[in-house]
Amino acid sequence: MTDFVGVASMARWIADRGPAAIMRGMVDYLDSDFRRWPEFDKIERIASHTPWGVIELMPISDPELYAFKYVNGHPSNPLRGYQTVTAFGVLANVHNGYPVFVAEMTLLTALRTAATSAFAARALARPDSSVMALIGTGSQAEFQAIAFREVMGISRLRIFDTAPDAMAKLVRNLTPLGFQIEVCGSAAEAASGADIVTTCTADKTNATVIHAQFPPH
């Protein structure tokens, strides 16, 4: 028997549990899985690049379970009335190859991405970090802010996006949740004085987001 979780069921589960609690649990799972890294049969993601975006398959397995995720990234989709990212995933038993779970993963991708950032920050950032710069303020930035507050206690944000409407939406959505938000005029301004800098940009170009500024000798 294969269980299936569709978009409506996934959204209902997230609403019931709350994204903060889910991402906190994801960080614990990530910690556990990275500690058993050698147990996984790791395969580089299979990517198909086109002028419109990228479509990827992400397979991995351990001695018990095999899984893959299908995900796309199309930066111009919002201008055409589509989501930037969509995803679904399959989980199967290794011993007989039977799929046991199929799930919508667009929302889970947003949660997992933010949880992984917070997990990395917990290991790498100073424990007393209190201010985060968010470069790019689309939907993923909101998940990042919630995850970092849950894991690192971050509640002060310095934000920048090339789209003023995106910044206004983030302020509108996160201010009622208790975040202190400063809107900045550039990525460099947002990063100045921040303990943690997180980029949430959807762009296929090899772009420099922040330029290093070295004082004169």
N, C-alpha and C. Protein backbone atom coordinates (compact mmCIF):
# COMPACT_ATOMS: atom_id res chain seq x y z
N MET A 1 0.84 -1.19 0.00
CA MET A 1 0.00 0.00 0.00
C MET A 1 0.88 1.24 0.00
N THR A 2 0.55 2.20 -0.85
CA THR A 2 1.31 3.44 -0.96
C THR A 2 0.47 4.60 -0.43
N ASP A 3 0.98 5.27 0.58
CA ASP A 3 0.30 6.45 1.11
C ASP A 3 0.56 7.65 0.20
N PHE A 4 -0.41 8.55 0.12
CA PHE A 4 -0.28 9.74 -0.72
C PHE A 4 -0.69 10.97 0.08
N VAL A 5 0.13 12.00 0.02
CA VAL A 5 -0.18 13.28 0.65
C VAL A 5 -0.19 14.35 -0.44
N GLY A 6 -1.36 14.91 -0.70
CA GLY A 6 -1.50 15.94 -1.73
C GLY A 6 -1.32 17.34 -1.16
N VAL A 7 -1.52 18.32 -2.02
CA VAL A 7 -1.29 19.72 -1.64
C VAL A 7 -2.18 20.13 -0.47
N ALA A 8 -3.46 19.81 -0.55
CA ALA A 8 -4.40 20.23 0.50
C ALA A 8 -4.04 19.59 1.84
N SER A 9 -3.70 18.30 1.82
CA SER A 9 -3.35 17.62 3.06
C SER A 9 -2.05 18.17 3.64
N MET A 10 -1.08 18.46 2.78
CA MET A 10 0.19 19.01 3.25
C MET A 10 -0.03 20.38 3.88
N ALA A 11 -0.82 21.21 3.22
CA ALA A 11 -1.09 22.54 3.75
C ALA A 11 -1.81 22.46 5.09
N ARG A 12 -2.74 21.51 5.21
CA ARG A 12 -3.47 21.35 6.47
C ARG A 12 -2.55 20.90 7.60
N TRP A 13 -1.64 19.96 7.29
CA TRP A 13 -0.68 19.49 8.30
C TRP A 13 0.22 20.62 8.78
N ILE A 14 0.71 21.44 7.84
CA ILE A 14 1.59 22.55 8.21
C ILE A 14 0.84 23.57 9.05
N ALA A 15 -0.42 23.83 8.68
CA ALA A 15 -1.22 24.78 9.46
C ALA A 15 -1.47 24.25 10.87
N ASP A 16 -1.70 22.95 10.99
CA ASP A 16 -1.96 22.36 12.31
C ASP A 16 -0.71 22.36 13.19
N ARG A 17 0.43 21.95 12.62
CA ARG A 17 1.66 21.85 13.39
C ARG A 17 2.34 23.20 13.58
N GLY A 18 2.26 24.03 12.55
CA GLY A 18 2.96 25.31 12.57
C GLY A 18 4.33 25.17 11.93
N PRO A 19 4.71 26.08 11.03
CA PRO A 19 6.00 25.96 10.34
C PRO A 19 7.19 26.01 11.28
N ALA A 20 7.10 26.78 12.36
CA ALA A 20 8.24 26.89 13.28
C ALA A 20 8.54 25.54 13.93
N ALA A 21 7.52 24.87 14.42
CA ALA A 21 7.72 23.58 15.06
C ALA A 21 8.22 22.54 14.06
N ILE A 22 7.70 22.57 12.85
CA ILE A 22 8.13 21.61 11.83
C ILE A 22 9.60 21.81 11.50
N MET A 23 10.01 23.06 11.31
CA MET A 23 11.40 23.32 10.95
C MET A 23 12.35 23.00 12.11
N ARG A 24 11.91 23.21 13.34
CA ARG A 24 12.74 22.82 14.48
C ARG A 24 12.97 21.32 14.47
N GLY A 25 11.92 20.55 14.19
CA GLY A 25 12.07 19.10 14.09
C GLY A 25 12.95 18.70 12.92
N MET A 26 12.84 19.41 11.80
CA MET A 26 13.69 19.11 10.64
C MET A 26 15.17 19.30 10.97
N VAL A 27 15.49 20.33 11.73
CA VAL A 27 16.88 20.57 12.11
C VAL A 27 17.42 19.40 12.92
N ASP A 28 16.61 18.85 13.80
CA ASP A 28 17.04 17.69 14.58
C ASP A 28 17.28 16.48 13.67
N TYR A 29 16.40 16.28 12.69
CA TYR A 29 16.59 15.18 11.74
C TYR A 29 17.85 15.38 10.90
N LEU A 30 18.07 16.63 10.45
CA LEU A 30 19.26 16.92 9.67
C LEU A 30 20.52 16.62 10.47
N ASP A 31 20.52 17.01 11.72
CA ASP A 31 21.66 16.75 12.59
C ASP A 31 21.92 15.25 12.69
N SER A 32 20.86 14.49 12.89
CA SER A 32 20.99 13.04 13.01
C SER A 32 21.50 12.40 11.72
N ASP A 33 20.97 12.87 10.57
CA ASP A 33 21.38 12.27 9.30
C ASP A 33 22.81 12.62 8.92
N PHE A 34 23.23 13.85 9.19
CA PHE A 34 24.61 14.20 8.87
C PHE A 34 25.59 13.42 9.74
N ARG A 35 25.18 13.04 10.92
CA ARG A 35 26.06 12.24 11.79
C ARG A 35 26.24 10.82 11.27
N ARG A 36 25.32 10.37 10.40
CA ARG A 36 25.48 9.03 9.81
C ARG A 36 25.69 9.14 8.29
N TRP A 37 26.36 10.17 7.89
CA TRP A 37 26.62 10.48 6.48
C TRP A 37 27.17 9.29 5.68
N PRO A 38 28.12 8.51 6.22
CA PRO A 38 28.67 7.41 5.41
C PRO A 38 27.66 6.32 5.08
N GLU A 39 26.54 6.27 5.80
CA GLU A 39 25.55 5.22 5.55
C GLU A 39 24.75 5.45 4.26
N PHE A 40 24.77 6.67 3.74
CA PHE A 40 23.94 7.01 2.60
C PHE A 40 24.64 6.71 1.28
N ASP A 41 23.88 6.18 0.33
CA ASP A 41 24.33 6.05 -1.06
C ASP A 41 23.97 7.36 -1.74
N LYS A 42 24.96 8.23 -1.90
CA LYS A 42 24.72 9.59 -2.36
C LYS A 42 25.01 9.71 -3.85
N ILE A 43 24.05 10.26 -4.59
CA ILE A 43 24.18 10.46 -6.03
C ILE A 43 23.96 11.94 -6.32
N GLU A 44 24.85 12.50 -7.13
CA GLU A 44 24.70 13.91 -7.49
C GLU A 44 23.36 14.13 -8.18
N ARG A 45 22.71 15.23 -7.83
CA ARG A 45 21.42 15.53 -8.45
C ARG A 45 21.53 15.55 -9.97
N ILE A 46 20.47 15.11 -10.62
CA ILE A 46 20.42 15.05 -12.08
C ILE A 46 19.64 16.28 -12.55
N ALA A 47 20.31 17.17 -13.25
CA ALA A 47 19.72 18.45 -13.60
C ALA A 47 19.57 18.62 -15.11
N SER A 48 18.44 19.14 -15.50
CA SER A 48 18.18 19.49 -16.90
C SER A 48 18.00 21.00 -16.98
N HIS A 49 18.99 21.68 -17.56
CA HIS A 49 18.97 23.14 -17.63
C HIS A 49 18.41 23.60 -18.98
N THR A 50 17.54 24.59 -18.93
CA THR A 50 16.97 25.20 -20.13
C THR A 50 17.01 26.71 -19.97
N PRO A 51 16.72 27.46 -21.02
CA PRO A 51 16.68 28.93 -20.87
C PRO A 51 15.63 29.40 -19.87
N TRP A 52 14.63 28.57 -19.60
CA TRP A 52 13.55 28.99 -18.70
C TRP A 52 13.84 28.67 -17.24
N GLY A 53 14.68 27.65 -17.01
CA GLY A 53 14.95 27.26 -15.63
C GLY A 53 15.61 25.90 -15.58
N VAL A 54 15.50 25.24 -14.44
CA VAL A 54 16.12 23.94 -14.26
C VAL A 54 15.10 22.97 -13.66
N ILE A 55 15.16 21.72 -14.09
CA ILE A 55 14.38 20.64 -13.50
C ILE A 55 15.37 19.61 -12.99
N GLU A 56 15.20 19.19 -11.73
CA GLU A 56 16.17 18.33 -11.09
C GLU A 56 15.52 17.11 -10.45
N LEU A 57 16.24 16.00 -10.47
CA LEU A 57 15.91 14.82 -9.69
C LEU A 57 16.98 14.64 -8.62
N MET A 58 16.56 14.42 -7.39
CA MET A 58 17.50 14.30 -6.27
C MET A 58 17.32 12.94 -5.60
N PRO A 59 18.13 11.93 -5.97
CA PRO A 59 17.99 10.60 -5.37
C PRO A 59 18.97 10.38 -4.21
N ILE A 60 18.55 9.58 -3.25
CA ILE A 60 19.44 9.17 -2.15
C ILE A 60 18.85 7.94 -1.49
N SER A 61 19.69 7.14 -0.86
CA SER A 61 19.18 5.97 -0.14
C SER A 61 20.12 5.60 0.99
N ASP A 62 19.57 4.84 1.95
CA ASP A 62 20.39 4.20 2.97
C ASP A 62 20.04 2.71 2.92
N PRO A 63 20.51 1.88 3.82
CA PRO A 63 20.22 0.44 3.70
C PRO A 63 18.74 0.08 3.82
N GLU A 64 17.91 0.98 4.29
CA GLU A 64 16.49 0.67 4.49
C GLU A 64 15.57 1.33 3.48
N LEU A 65 15.85 2.59 3.13
CA LEU A 65 14.91 3.38 2.34
C LEU A 65 15.60 4.06 1.16
N TYR A 66 14.85 4.18 0.08
CA TYR A 66 15.29 4.93 -1.11
C TYR A 66 14.32 6.09 -1.29
N ALA A 67 14.84 7.24 -1.67
CA ALA A 67 13.97 8.40 -1.87
C ALA A 67 14.49 9.24 -3.03
N PHE A 68 13.56 9.94 -3.68
CA PHE A 68 13.96 10.97 -4.63
C PHE A 68 12.96 12.12 -4.56
N LYS A 69 13.47 13.28 -4.93
CA LYS A 69 12.60 14.45 -5.06
C LYS A 69 12.72 15.00 -6.47
N TYR A 70 11.60 15.34 -7.05
CA TYR A 70 11.55 16.08 -8.32
C TYR A 70 11.30 17.53 -7.94
N VAL A 71 12.11 18.44 -8.46
CA VAL A 71 11.92 19.86 -8.15
C VAL A 71 12.38 20.70 -9.34
N ASN A 72 11.70 21.80 -9.54
CA ASN A 72 12.11 22.74 -10.59
C ASN A 72 12.48 24.08 -9.96
N GLY A 73 13.17 24.89 -10.73
CA GLY A 73 13.45 26.27 -10.34
C GLY A 73 13.40 27.15 -11.57
N HIS A 74 12.32 27.91 -11.71
CA HIS A 74 12.11 28.77 -12.88
C HIS A 74 11.91 30.21 -12.41
N PRO A 75 12.98 31.01 -12.37
CA PRO A 75 12.91 32.35 -11.81
C PRO A 75 11.88 33.27 -12.45
N SER A 76 11.59 33.08 -13.75
CA SER A 76 10.65 33.98 -14.43
C SER A 76 9.20 33.54 -14.28
N ASN A 77 8.95 32.43 -13.60
CA ASN A 77 7.59 31.92 -13.49
C ASN A 77 6.59 32.91 -12.89
N PRO A 78 6.93 33.64 -11.81
CA PRO A 78 5.94 34.56 -11.25
C PRO A 78 5.42 35.60 -12.25
N LEU A 79 6.28 36.01 -13.17
CA LEU A 79 5.85 36.98 -14.17
C LEU A 79 4.86 36.37 -15.16
N ARG A 80 4.80 35.03 -15.21
CA ARG A 80 3.90 34.33 -16.13
C ARG A 80 2.74 33.66 -15.40
N GLY A 81 2.61 33.96 -14.09
CA GLY A 81 1.49 33.42 -13.33
C GLY A 81 1.71 32.04 -12.77
N TYR A 82 2.99 31.60 -12.70
CA TYR A 82 3.31 30.29 -12.14
C TYR A 82 4.18 30.46 -10.90
N GLN A 83 4.27 29.40 -10.08
CA GLN A 83 5.19 29.39 -8.95
C GLN A 83 6.62 29.20 -9.43
N THR A 84 7.57 29.75 -8.71
CA THR A 84 8.98 29.56 -9.05
C THR A 84 9.39 28.11 -8.87
N VAL A 85 8.90 27.49 -7.81
CA VAL A 85 9.30 26.12 -7.46
C VAL A 85 8.07 25.24 -7.29
N THR A 86 8.13 24.02 -7.81
CA THR A 86 7.16 22.98 -7.49
C THR A 86 7.96 21.70 -7.24
N ALA A 87 7.39 20.79 -6.46
CA ALA A 87 8.14 19.57 -6.14
C ALA A 87 7.21 18.46 -5.68
N PHE A 88 7.67 17.22 -5.87
CA PHE A 88 7.02 16.07 -5.24
C PHE A 88 8.10 15.04 -4.95
N GLY A 89 7.80 14.08 -4.08
CA GLY A 89 8.81 13.11 -3.71
C GLY A 89 8.23 11.72 -3.53
N VAL A 90 9.10 10.72 -3.59
CA VAL A 90 8.72 9.32 -3.43
C VAL A 90 9.67 8.67 -2.43
N LEU A 91 9.10 7.84 -1.55
CA LEU A 91 9.88 7.05 -0.60
C LEU A 91 9.58 5.58 -0.86
N ALA A 92 10.62 4.74 -0.91
CA ALA A 92 10.45 3.31 -1.22
C ALA A 92 11.27 2.44 -0.29
N ASN A 93 10.81 1.22 -0.09
CA ASN A 93 11.56 0.24 0.67
C ASN A 93 12.68 -0.32 -0.20
N VAL A 94 13.88 -0.39 0.36
CA VAL A 94 15.01 -0.91 -0.39
C VAL A 94 14.87 -2.42 -0.59
N HIS A 95 14.35 -3.13 0.39
CA HIS A 95 14.39 -4.59 0.34
C HIS A 95 13.48 -5.19 -0.74
N ASN A 96 12.42 -4.44 -1.14
CA ASN A 96 11.57 -4.98 -2.22
C ASN A 96 11.28 -3.98 -3.33
N GLY A 97 11.75 -2.73 -3.17
CA GLY A 97 11.57 -1.73 -4.21
C GLY A 97 10.19 -1.11 -4.26
N TYR A 98 9.31 -1.48 -3.33
CA TYR A 98 7.95 -0.95 -3.37
C TYR A 98 7.90 0.50 -2.87
N PRO A 99 7.25 1.40 -3.62
CA PRO A 99 7.04 2.74 -3.10
C PRO A 99 6.02 2.71 -1.97
N VAL A 100 6.33 3.37 -0.88
CA VAL A 100 5.44 3.36 0.29
C VAL A 100 4.84 4.73 0.58
N PHE A 101 5.40 5.79 -0.07
CA PHE A 101 4.94 7.13 0.26
C PHE A 101 5.19 8.04 -0.93
N VAL A 102 4.17 8.76 -1.35
CA VAL A 102 4.28 9.77 -2.40
C VAL A 102 3.72 11.06 -1.83
N ALA A 103 4.46 12.15 -1.95
CA ALA A 103 4.02 13.39 -1.30
C ALA A 103 4.29 14.61 -2.15
N GLU A 104 3.39 15.57 -2.05
CA GLU A 104 3.63 16.91 -2.56
C GLU A 104 4.74 17.51 -1.72
N MET A 105 5.72 18.15 -2.37
CA MET A 105 6.87 18.66 -1.61
C MET A 105 7.21 20.11 -1.91
N THR A 106 6.30 20.84 -2.54
CA THR A 106 6.58 22.25 -2.79
C THR A 106 6.72 23.01 -1.48
N LEU A 107 5.74 22.81 -0.60
CA LEU A 107 5.81 23.46 0.71
C LEU A 107 6.94 22.88 1.55
N LEU A 108 7.11 21.55 1.47
CA LEU A 108 8.20 20.93 2.23
C LEU A 108 9.57 21.43 1.77
N THR A 109 9.71 21.71 0.48
CA THR A 109 10.97 22.25 -0.03
C THR A 109 11.27 23.59 0.61
N ALA A 110 10.26 24.43 0.72
CA ALA A 110 10.44 25.73 1.37
C ALA A 110 10.86 25.57 2.82
N LEU A 111 10.21 24.64 3.53
CA LEU A 111 10.54 24.40 4.93
C LEU A 111 11.93 23.79 5.08
N ARG A 112 12.24 22.79 4.25
CA ARG A 112 13.54 22.11 4.35
C ARG A 112 14.69 23.04 4.02
N THR A 113 14.50 23.89 3.02
CA THR A 113 15.56 24.84 2.65
C THR A 113 15.88 25.76 3.82
N ALA A 114 14.86 26.29 4.45
CA ALA A 114 15.08 27.19 5.59
C ALA A 114 15.66 26.44 6.78
N ALA A 115 15.17 25.23 7.02
CA ALA A 115 15.68 24.44 8.14
C ALA A 115 17.16 24.12 7.95
N THR A 116 17.56 23.82 6.72
CA THR A 116 18.97 23.50 6.46
C THR A 116 19.84 24.73 6.69
N SER A 117 19.38 25.90 6.30
CA SER A 117 20.13 27.14 6.55
C SER A 117 20.32 27.36 8.05
N ALA A 118 19.24 27.17 8.80
CA ALA A 118 19.32 27.36 10.25
C ALA A 118 20.23 26.31 10.89
N PHE A 119 20.18 25.09 10.38
CA PHE A 119 21.05 24.02 10.88
C PHE A 119 22.52 24.38 10.67
N ALA A 120 22.85 24.90 9.48
CA ALA A 120 24.22 25.30 9.19
C ALA A 120 24.65 26.46 10.08
N ALA A 121 23.73 27.41 10.29
CA ALA A 121 24.06 28.56 11.12
C ALA A 121 24.30 28.15 12.57
N ARG A 122 23.54 27.18 13.04
CA ARG A 122 23.72 26.71 14.42
C ARG A 122 25.13 26.16 14.63
N ALA A 123 25.69 25.57 13.56
CA ALA A 123 27.03 25.01 13.65
C ALA A 123 28.12 26.04 13.39
N LEU A 124 27.82 27.07 12.58
CA LEU A 124 28.88 27.97 12.10
C LEU A 124 28.81 29.38 12.67
N ALA A 125 27.63 29.86 13.00
CA ALA A 125 27.50 31.25 13.44
C ALA A 125 27.87 31.40 14.91
N ARG A 126 28.18 32.63 15.31
CA ARG A 126 28.44 32.90 16.72
C ARG A 126 27.18 32.64 17.54
N PRO A 127 27.29 32.02 18.68
CA PRO A 127 26.10 31.72 19.49
C PRO A 127 25.31 32.96 19.90
N ASP A 128 25.98 34.11 20.00
CA ASP A 128 25.30 35.33 20.43
C ASP A 128 24.76 36.15 19.26
N SER A 129 24.71 35.57 18.06
CA SER A 129 24.19 36.29 16.88
C SER A 129 22.76 36.74 17.13
N SER A 130 22.48 37.99 16.73
CA SER A 130 21.14 38.52 16.99
C SER A 130 20.52 39.23 15.79
N VAL A 131 21.33 39.52 14.76
CA VAL A 131 20.84 40.26 13.61
C VAL A 131 21.14 39.48 12.34
N MET A 132 20.14 39.32 11.48
CA MET A 132 20.34 38.62 10.21
C MET A 132 19.98 39.53 9.04
N ALA A 133 20.83 39.51 8.01
CA ALA A 133 20.52 40.19 6.76
C ALA A 133 19.89 39.19 5.81
N LEU A 134 18.79 39.57 5.20
CA LEU A 134 18.13 38.75 4.19
C LEU A 134 18.24 39.47 2.86
N ILE A 135 18.98 38.89 1.93
CA ILE A 135 19.12 39.46 0.58
C ILE A 135 18.19 38.68 -0.32
N GLY A 136 17.14 39.32 -0.77
CA GLY A 136 16.05 38.64 -1.47
C GLY A 136 14.93 38.40 -0.47
N THR A 137 13.74 38.90 -0.78
CA THR A 137 12.67 38.85 0.22
C THR A 137 11.39 38.21 -0.33
N GLY A 138 11.56 37.18 -1.15
CA GLY A 138 10.40 36.42 -1.60
C GLY A 138 9.92 35.50 -0.49
N SER A 139 9.11 34.53 -0.86
CA SER A 139 8.49 33.65 0.13
C SER A 139 9.53 32.90 0.95
N GLN A 140 10.64 32.45 0.32
CA GLN A 140 11.64 31.69 1.06
C GLN A 140 12.25 32.51 2.19
N ALA A 141 12.38 33.81 1.99
CA ALA A 141 12.94 34.66 3.04
C ALA A 141 12.08 34.62 4.31
N GLU A 142 10.77 34.52 4.15
CA GLU A 142 9.90 34.46 5.32
C GLU A 142 10.11 33.15 6.08
N PHE A 143 10.26 32.04 5.35
CA PHE A 143 10.56 30.77 6.00
C PHE A 143 11.92 30.83 6.71
N GLN A 144 12.90 31.47 6.06
CA GLN A 144 14.22 31.60 6.66
C GLN A 144 14.14 32.36 7.98
N ALA A 145 13.41 33.46 7.99
CA ALA A 145 13.31 34.26 9.21
C ALA A 145 12.71 33.45 10.35
N ILE A 146 11.65 32.72 10.06
CA ILE A 146 10.99 31.92 11.10
C ILE A 146 11.92 30.81 11.60
N ALA A 147 12.62 30.14 10.69
CA ALA A 147 13.54 29.07 11.08
C ALA A 147 14.68 29.61 11.93
N PHE A 148 15.25 30.74 11.55
CA PHE A 148 16.38 31.29 12.29
C PHE A 148 15.95 31.79 13.67
N ARG A 149 14.76 32.29 13.79
CA ARG A 149 14.29 32.68 15.12
C ARG A 149 14.09 31.45 16.00
N GLU A 150 13.54 30.39 15.40
CA GLU A 150 13.28 29.17 16.16
C GLU A 150 14.57 28.50 16.62
N VAL A 151 15.60 28.50 15.77
CA VAL A 151 16.83 27.77 16.06
C VAL A 151 17.90 28.65 16.70
N MET A 152 17.98 29.91 16.25
CA MET A 152 19.06 30.79 16.70
C MET A 152 18.59 31.97 17.55
N GLY A 153 17.29 32.13 17.68
CA GLY A 153 16.78 33.26 18.45
C GLY A 153 16.84 34.59 17.74
N ILE A 154 16.98 34.57 16.41
CA ILE A 154 17.07 35.80 15.61
C ILE A 154 15.70 36.45 15.48
N SER A 155 15.60 37.72 15.82
CA SER A 155 14.33 38.44 15.63
C SER A 155 14.53 39.79 14.97
N ARG A 156 15.78 40.20 14.74
CA ARG A 156 16.08 41.47 14.08
C ARG A 156 16.58 41.19 12.66
N LEU A 157 15.92 41.78 11.69
CA LEU A 157 16.22 41.54 10.29
C LEU A 157 16.60 42.83 9.58
N ARG A 158 17.61 42.74 8.72
CA ARG A 158 17.95 43.83 7.80
C ARG A 158 17.72 43.25 6.41
N ILE A 159 16.87 43.88 5.60
CA ILE A 159 16.44 43.25 4.36
C ILE A 159 16.73 44.12 3.15
N PHE A 160 16.95 43.44 2.01
CA PHE A 160 17.05 44.14 0.72
C PHE A 160 16.57 43.24 -0.39
N ASP A 161 15.86 43.83 -1.33
CA ASP A 161 15.45 43.14 -2.55
C ASP A 161 15.40 44.20 -3.66
N THR A 162 15.63 43.76 -4.89
CA THR A 162 15.54 44.68 -6.01
C THR A 162 14.09 45.06 -6.30
N ALA A 163 13.14 44.32 -5.72
CA ALA A 163 11.71 44.60 -5.90
C ALA A 163 11.14 45.19 -4.61
N PRO A 164 10.82 46.48 -4.59
CA PRO A 164 10.26 47.08 -3.37
C PRO A 164 8.99 46.40 -2.89
N ASP A 165 8.16 45.92 -3.83
CA ASP A 165 6.92 45.25 -3.43
C ASP A 165 7.20 43.99 -2.60
N ALA A 166 8.28 43.29 -2.95
CA ALA A 166 8.63 42.07 -2.21
C ALA A 166 9.05 42.42 -0.78
N MET A 167 9.79 43.50 -0.62
CA MET A 167 10.18 43.92 0.72
C MET A 167 8.96 44.33 1.53
N ALA A 168 8.05 45.07 0.89
CA ALA A 168 6.84 45.51 1.60
C ALA A 168 6.01 44.31 2.05
N LYS A 169 5.95 43.26 1.21
CA LYS A 169 5.18 42.08 1.58
C LYS A 169 5.81 41.37 2.77
N LEU A 170 7.15 41.25 2.77
CA LEU A 170 7.81 40.60 3.89
C LEU A 170 7.57 41.38 5.19
N VAL A 171 7.70 42.69 5.13
CA VAL A 171 7.44 43.51 6.32
C VAL A 171 6.01 43.32 6.79
N ARG A 172 5.08 43.31 5.86
CA ARG A 172 3.66 43.15 6.19
C ARG A 172 3.38 41.79 6.83
N ASN A 173 4.05 40.75 6.36
CA ASN A 173 3.79 39.41 6.86
C ASN A 173 4.52 39.08 8.16
N LEU A 174 5.74 39.62 8.34
CA LEU A 174 6.55 39.22 9.48
C LEU A 174 6.46 40.16 10.68
N THR A 175 6.13 41.42 10.45
CA THR A 175 6.02 42.35 11.57
C THR A 175 4.99 41.89 12.61
N PRO A 176 3.81 41.42 12.18
CA PRO A 176 2.86 40.93 13.19
C PRO A 176 3.36 39.73 13.99
N LEU A 177 4.39 39.04 13.49
CA LEU A 177 4.94 37.90 14.21
C LEU A 177 6.01 38.30 15.21
N GLY A 178 6.27 39.60 15.31
CA GLY A 178 7.20 40.09 16.32
C GLY A 178 8.60 40.38 15.83
N PHE A 179 8.83 40.34 14.53
CA PHE A 179 10.16 40.64 14.00
C PHE A 179 10.38 42.15 13.95
N GLN A 180 11.63 42.56 14.24
CA GLN A 180 12.05 43.94 14.03
C GLN A 180 12.76 43.99 12.68
N ILE A 181 12.25 44.79 11.76
CA ILE A 181 12.73 44.75 10.37
C ILE A 181 13.19 46.13 9.94
N GLU A 182 14.40 46.19 9.38
CA GLU A 182 14.93 47.42 8.80
C GLU A 182 15.09 47.23 7.30
N VAL A 183 14.41 48.06 6.52
CA VAL A 183 14.50 47.99 5.06
C VAL A 183 15.73 48.78 4.62
N CYS A 184 16.59 48.15 3.81
CA CYS A 184 17.85 48.75 3.39
C CYS A 184 17.85 49.05 1.89
N GLY A 185 18.77 49.90 1.48
CA GLY A 185 18.80 50.33 0.09
C GLY A 185 19.71 49.53 -0.80
N SER A 186 20.47 48.60 -0.24
CA SER A 186 21.36 47.76 -1.03
C SER A 186 21.71 46.51 -0.23
N ALA A 187 22.26 45.53 -0.93
CA ALA A 187 22.69 44.31 -0.25
C ALA A 187 23.81 44.62 0.74
N ALA A 188 24.73 45.51 0.34
CA ALA A 188 25.84 45.86 1.21
C ALA A 188 25.35 46.54 2.48
N GLU A 189 24.37 47.40 2.33
CA GLU A 189 23.81 48.08 3.51
C GLU A 189 23.14 47.08 4.44
N ALA A 190 22.42 46.12 3.87
CA ALA A 190 21.74 45.13 4.69
C ALA A 190 22.76 44.27 5.44
N ALA A 191 23.86 43.92 4.77
CA ALA A 191 24.87 43.05 5.39
C ALA A 191 25.68 43.77 6.46
N SER A 192 25.78 45.10 6.34
CA SER A 192 26.57 45.87 7.30
C SER A 192 25.95 45.78 8.69
N GLY A 193 26.71 45.29 9.64
CA GLY A 193 26.21 45.17 11.00
C GLY A 193 25.43 43.91 11.29
N ALA A 194 25.28 43.03 10.29
CA ALA A 194 24.54 41.78 10.50
C ALA A 194 25.50 40.69 10.99
N ASP A 195 25.01 39.83 11.86
CA ASP A 195 25.80 38.69 12.33
C ASP A 195 25.74 37.53 11.35
N ILE A 196 24.62 37.40 10.66
CA ILE A 196 24.39 36.32 9.70
C ILE A 196 23.84 36.94 8.42
N VAL A 197 24.35 36.54 7.27
CA VAL A 197 23.86 37.01 5.98
C VAL A 197 23.31 35.82 5.20
N THR A 198 22.06 35.89 4.81
CA THR A 198 21.42 34.81 4.06
C THR A 198 20.89 35.36 2.73
N THR A 199 21.24 34.70 1.64
CA THR A 199 20.73 35.10 0.32
C THR A 199 19.57 34.19 -0.06
N CYS A 200 18.49 34.79 -0.53
CA CYS A 200 17.29 34.05 -0.96
C CYS A 200 16.90 34.54 -2.34
N THR A 201 17.82 34.42 -3.27
CA THR A 201 17.58 34.92 -4.62
C THR A 201 17.31 33.77 -5.58
N ALA A 202 16.39 33.96 -6.51
CA ALA A 202 16.07 32.96 -7.53
C ALA A 202 16.57 33.50 -8.86
N ASP A 203 17.79 33.14 -9.23
CA ASP A 203 18.40 33.67 -10.44
C ASP A 203 19.39 32.65 -10.98
N LYS A 204 19.33 32.36 -12.27
CA LYS A 204 20.24 31.39 -12.87
C LYS A 204 21.58 32.00 -13.27
N THR A 205 21.73 33.30 -13.12
CA THR A 205 22.99 33.92 -13.51
C THR A 205 24.04 33.72 -12.42
N ASN A 206 25.30 33.77 -12.82
CA ASN A 206 26.41 33.71 -11.87
C ASN A 206 26.67 35.14 -11.41
N ALA A 207 25.89 35.57 -10.42
CA ALA A 207 25.90 36.97 -10.01
C ALA A 207 26.64 37.16 -8.70
N THR A 208 27.30 38.29 -8.56
CA THR A 208 27.90 38.69 -7.29
C THR A 208 26.87 39.50 -6.52
N VAL A 209 26.43 38.97 -5.39
CA VAL A 209 25.38 39.64 -4.61
C VAL A 209 25.98 40.71 -3.72
N ILE A 210 27.11 40.40 -3.09
CA ILE A 210 27.79 41.35 -2.20
C ILE A 210 29.25 41.40 -2.58
N HIS A 211 29.78 42.59 -2.76
CA HIS A 211 31.19 42.77 -3.07
C HIS A 211 31.98 42.97 -1.79
N ALA A 212 33.13 42.33 -1.71
CA ALA A 212 33.99 42.50 -0.55
C ALA A 212 34.57 43.91 -0.55
N GLN A 213 34.56 44.53 0.61
CA GLN A 213 35.11 45.87 0.75
C GLN A 213 36.31 45.78 1.69
N PHE A 214 37.50 46.04 1.15
CA PHE A 214 38.69 45.96 1.96
C PHE A 214 39.18 47.38 2.26
N PRO A 215 39.56 47.65 3.51
CA PRO A 215 40.08 48.98 3.84
C PRO A 215 41.43 49.22 3.17
N PRO A 216 41.74 50.44 2.81
CA PRO A 216 43.04 50.73 2.17
C PRO A 216 44.19 50.46 3.14
N HIS A 217 45.33 50.01 2.59
CA HIS A 217 46.50 49.74 3.41
C HIS A 217 47.17 51.05 3.80
